[in-house]
Amino acid sequence: MTGKLLFKSFHLEATSSQLLKLFSDFGEVTRLQIARDPVLLRFVGRGLLEMSDSRDAAACIEKLNGSRFMGSDISVVWAPAGVASV
């Protein structure tokens, strides 16, 4: 069973490669979607990811939620049912 997570409060200069590396340390990331400002096309500090195994997703939440990444206190939580994009 897959695990879908929401992440937010990330440093605005974080890149998709850095985020993928961070989350991949916990298991296979099958989808990473980052929210961007529609005009400037810059990362706005939040996104959605899906991991191939819900146990890996749970470990990711346990270790990363409330931690610091690139100087920002980050939030990583389960995505509510029905959330398909950010």
N, C-alpha and C. Protein backbone atom coordinates (compact mmCIF):
# COMPACT_ATOMS: atom_id res chain seq x y z
N MET A 1 0.85 -1.18 0.00
CA MET A 1 0.00 0.00 0.00
C MET A 1 0.89 1.24 0.00
N THR A 2 0.55 2.21 -0.82
CA THR A 2 1.35 3.43 -0.92
C THR A 2 1.00 4.40 0.20
N GLY A 3 1.87 5.38 0.39
CA GLY A 3 1.64 6.41 1.39
C GLY A 3 1.76 7.78 0.74
N LYS A 4 0.72 8.59 0.86
CA LYS A 4 0.72 9.92 0.28
C LYS A 4 0.89 10.95 1.39
N LEU A 5 1.86 11.85 1.22
CA LEU A 5 2.20 12.83 2.25
C LEU A 5 2.14 14.26 1.71
N LEU A 6 1.79 15.17 2.60
CA LEU A 6 1.89 16.60 2.32
C LEU A 6 3.09 17.13 3.07
N PHE A 7 3.85 18.01 2.44
CA PHE A 7 4.95 18.67 3.13
C PHE A 7 4.82 20.16 2.95
N LYS A 8 5.21 20.91 3.99
CA LYS A 8 5.10 22.37 3.91
C LYS A 8 6.12 23.03 4.82
N SER A 9 6.22 24.33 4.68
CA SER A 9 7.15 25.17 5.46
C SER A 9 8.60 24.91 5.10
N PHE A 10 8.85 24.44 3.88
CA PHE A 10 10.21 24.21 3.41
C PHE A 10 10.82 25.51 2.92
N HIS A 11 12.15 25.59 3.02
CA HIS A 11 12.88 26.76 2.55
C HIS A 11 12.57 26.97 1.07
N LEU A 12 12.31 28.21 0.68
CA LEU A 12 11.90 28.51 -0.69
C LEU A 12 12.99 28.25 -1.73
N GLU A 13 14.23 28.11 -1.29
CA GLU A 13 15.32 27.83 -2.23
C GLU A 13 15.61 26.34 -2.35
N ALA A 14 14.84 25.51 -1.66
CA ALA A 14 15.02 24.06 -1.78
C ALA A 14 14.69 23.63 -3.21
N THR A 15 15.49 22.75 -3.76
CA THR A 15 15.26 22.27 -5.13
C THR A 15 14.54 20.92 -5.10
N SER A 16 13.98 20.56 -6.23
CA SER A 16 13.30 19.26 -6.31
C SER A 16 14.31 18.13 -6.08
N SER A 17 15.54 18.30 -6.52
CA SER A 17 16.58 17.28 -6.29
C SER A 17 16.87 17.11 -4.80
N GLN A 18 16.96 18.23 -4.08
CA GLN A 18 17.21 18.17 -2.64
C GLN A 18 16.05 17.50 -1.92
N LEU A 19 14.83 17.84 -2.33
CA LEU A 19 13.66 17.24 -1.70
C LEU A 19 13.59 15.74 -1.98
N LEU A 20 13.85 15.37 -3.22
CA LEU A 20 13.83 13.96 -3.58
C LEU A 20 14.87 13.18 -2.78
N LYS A 21 16.05 13.74 -2.63
CA LYS A 21 17.10 13.09 -1.83
C LYS A 21 16.65 12.93 -0.38
N LEU A 22 16.10 13.99 0.19
CA LEU A 22 15.64 13.96 1.59
C LEU A 22 14.61 12.85 1.80
N PHE A 23 13.59 12.81 0.96
CA PHE A 23 12.52 11.83 1.14
C PHE A 23 12.95 10.42 0.74
N SER A 24 13.81 10.30 -0.25
CA SER A 24 14.27 8.98 -0.71
C SER A 24 15.09 8.25 0.34
N ASP A 25 15.63 8.97 1.30
CA ASP A 25 16.35 8.31 2.39
C ASP A 25 15.45 7.37 3.19
N PHE A 26 14.13 7.52 3.04
CA PHE A 26 13.18 6.71 3.80
C PHE A 26 12.53 5.61 2.96
N GLY A 27 12.73 5.64 1.64
CA GLY A 27 12.15 4.64 0.77
C GLY A 27 11.92 5.19 -0.62
N GLU A 28 11.30 4.38 -1.46
CA GLU A 28 11.08 4.77 -2.85
C GLU A 28 9.99 5.84 -2.97
N VAL A 29 10.36 6.96 -3.57
CA VAL A 29 9.40 8.02 -3.85
C VAL A 29 8.88 7.79 -5.27
N THR A 30 7.57 7.57 -5.39
CA THR A 30 6.98 7.29 -6.70
C THR A 30 6.44 8.55 -7.36
N ARG A 31 6.23 9.60 -6.56
CA ARG A 31 5.71 10.85 -7.11
C ARG A 31 6.14 11.99 -6.19
N LEU A 32 6.62 13.07 -6.79
CA LEU A 32 6.97 14.27 -6.04
C LEU A 32 6.40 15.45 -6.82
N GLN A 33 5.49 16.17 -6.19
CA GLN A 33 4.88 17.33 -6.83
C GLN A 33 5.12 18.54 -5.93
N ILE A 34 5.79 19.54 -6.45
CA ILE A 34 6.04 20.74 -5.66
C ILE A 34 5.15 21.86 -6.15
N ALA A 35 4.63 22.64 -5.21
CA ALA A 35 3.77 23.77 -5.55
C ALA A 35 4.64 24.94 -5.97
N ARG A 36 4.23 25.60 -7.03
CA ARG A 36 4.97 26.75 -7.55
C ARG A 36 4.04 27.96 -7.68
N ASP A 37 4.63 29.14 -7.48
CA ASP A 37 3.91 30.38 -7.73
C ASP A 37 3.54 30.40 -9.21
N PRO A 38 2.27 30.66 -9.56
CA PRO A 38 1.86 30.58 -10.96
C PRO A 38 2.48 31.66 -11.86
N VAL A 39 2.92 32.76 -11.29
CA VAL A 39 3.51 33.83 -12.09
C VAL A 39 5.03 33.70 -12.15
N LEU A 40 5.65 33.57 -10.99
CA LEU A 40 7.11 33.52 -10.93
C LEU A 40 7.68 32.12 -11.12
N LEU A 41 6.83 31.11 -11.02
CA LEU A 41 7.21 29.70 -11.16
C LEU A 41 8.25 29.26 -10.13
N ARG A 42 8.26 29.91 -8.98
CA ARG A 42 9.16 29.55 -7.88
C ARG A 42 8.46 28.61 -6.91
N PHE A 43 9.25 27.77 -6.29
CA PHE A 43 8.76 26.88 -5.23
C PHE A 43 8.18 27.72 -4.11
N VAL A 44 7.01 27.34 -3.61
CA VAL A 44 6.37 28.10 -2.53
C VAL A 44 6.47 27.41 -1.17
N GLY A 45 7.30 26.36 -1.08
CA GLY A 45 7.57 25.74 0.21
C GLY A 45 6.69 24.59 0.61
N ARG A 46 5.86 24.11 -0.32
CA ARG A 46 4.99 22.98 0.02
C ARG A 46 4.82 22.06 -1.18
N GLY A 47 4.31 20.87 -0.91
CA GLY A 47 4.09 19.93 -2.00
C GLY A 47 3.47 18.64 -1.52
N LEU A 48 3.44 17.70 -2.43
CA LEU A 48 2.81 16.40 -2.21
C LEU A 48 3.79 15.33 -2.68
N LEU A 49 3.89 14.26 -1.93
CA LEU A 49 4.70 13.15 -2.40
C LEU A 49 4.02 11.84 -2.10
N GLU A 50 4.37 10.86 -2.89
CA GLU A 50 3.83 9.52 -2.68
C GLU A 50 5.00 8.56 -2.61
N MET A 51 4.94 7.69 -1.62
CA MET A 51 5.97 6.67 -1.43
C MET A 51 5.35 5.30 -1.73
N SER A 52 6.17 4.39 -2.22
CA SER A 52 5.66 3.08 -2.63
C SER A 52 5.17 2.22 -1.47
N ASP A 53 5.62 2.51 -0.26
CA ASP A 53 5.25 1.71 0.91
C ASP A 53 4.80 2.63 2.04
N SER A 54 3.62 2.36 2.56
CA SER A 54 3.08 3.22 3.63
C SER A 54 3.91 3.17 4.90
N ARG A 55 4.63 2.06 5.13
CA ARG A 55 5.51 1.99 6.30
C ARG A 55 6.69 2.95 6.16
N ASP A 56 7.20 3.07 4.94
CA ASP A 56 8.27 4.03 4.69
C ASP A 56 7.75 5.46 4.88
N ALA A 57 6.53 5.70 4.42
CA ALA A 57 5.92 7.02 4.58
C ALA A 57 5.74 7.35 6.06
N ALA A 58 5.32 6.38 6.85
CA ALA A 58 5.15 6.59 8.29
C ALA A 58 6.49 6.92 8.95
N ALA A 59 7.55 6.23 8.54
CA ALA A 59 8.89 6.51 9.09
C ALA A 59 9.34 7.91 8.69
N CYS A 60 9.02 8.31 7.48
CA CYS A 60 9.37 9.65 6.99
C CYS A 60 8.68 10.71 7.85
N ILE A 61 7.41 10.53 8.13
CA ILE A 61 6.68 11.48 8.98
C ILE A 61 7.30 11.52 10.37
N GLU A 62 7.56 10.35 10.93
CA GLU A 62 8.09 10.28 12.29
C GLU A 62 9.42 11.02 12.42
N LYS A 63 10.28 10.88 11.43
CA LYS A 63 11.62 11.49 11.51
C LYS A 63 11.64 12.95 11.05
N LEU A 64 10.85 13.29 10.05
CA LEU A 64 10.97 14.62 9.46
C LEU A 64 9.99 15.67 9.99
N ASN A 65 8.80 15.26 10.38
CA ASN A 65 7.82 16.24 10.84
C ASN A 65 8.36 16.97 12.08
N GLY A 66 8.43 18.29 11.97
CA GLY A 66 8.94 19.11 13.08
C GLY A 66 10.44 19.27 13.09
N SER A 67 11.13 18.65 12.14
CA SER A 67 12.59 18.76 12.09
C SER A 67 12.99 20.02 11.30
N ARG A 68 14.29 20.25 11.21
CA ARG A 68 14.81 21.40 10.45
C ARG A 68 15.48 20.91 9.18
N PHE A 69 15.21 21.63 8.10
CA PHE A 69 15.83 21.35 6.81
C PHE A 69 16.16 22.68 6.16
N MET A 70 17.41 22.89 5.85
CA MET A 70 17.88 24.13 5.25
C MET A 70 17.48 25.35 6.10
N GLY A 71 17.49 25.17 7.41
CA GLY A 71 17.19 26.27 8.31
C GLY A 71 15.72 26.53 8.57
N SER A 72 14.83 25.70 8.03
CA SER A 72 13.39 25.88 8.23
C SER A 72 12.81 24.72 9.01
N ASP A 73 11.90 25.02 9.93
CA ASP A 73 11.15 23.98 10.63
C ASP A 73 10.09 23.47 9.66
N ILE A 74 10.13 22.18 9.36
CA ILE A 74 9.27 21.63 8.31
C ILE A 74 8.14 20.79 8.88
N SER A 75 7.12 20.62 8.06
CA SER A 75 5.97 19.80 8.41
C SER A 75 5.80 18.72 7.34
N VAL A 76 5.68 17.48 7.78
CA VAL A 76 5.42 16.36 6.88
C VAL A 76 4.31 15.54 7.54
N VAL A 77 3.15 15.45 6.87
CA VAL A 77 1.98 14.79 7.43
C VAL A 77 1.29 13.94 6.36
N TRP A 78 0.40 13.06 6.81
CA TRP A 78 -0.41 12.28 5.87
C TRP A 78 -1.29 13.23 5.08
N ALA A 79 -1.41 12.99 3.79
CA ALA A 79 -2.31 13.78 2.95
C ALA A 79 -3.75 13.31 3.21
N PRO A 80 -4.67 14.25 3.35
CA PRO A 80 -6.07 13.84 3.52
C PRO A 80 -6.58 13.04 2.32
N ALA A 81 -7.51 12.18 2.56
CA ALA A 81 -8.10 11.38 1.48
C ALA A 81 -8.64 12.30 0.39
N GLY A 82 -8.40 11.93 -0.83
CA GLY A 82 -8.92 12.70 -1.96
C GLY A 82 -7.98 13.78 -2.48
N VAL A 83 -6.91 14.09 -1.78
CA VAL A 83 -5.97 15.11 -2.25
C VAL A 83 -5.14 14.49 -3.38
N ALA A 84 -5.23 15.11 -4.56
CA ALA A 84 -4.51 14.57 -5.72
C ALA A 84 -3.39 15.48 -6.18
N SER A 85 -3.45 16.75 -5.80
CA SER A 85 -2.41 17.68 -6.23
C SER A 85 -2.35 18.86 -5.26
N VAL A 86 -1.29 19.66 -5.43
CA VAL A 86 -1.11 20.86 -4.58
C VAL A 86 -1.30 22.10 -5.40
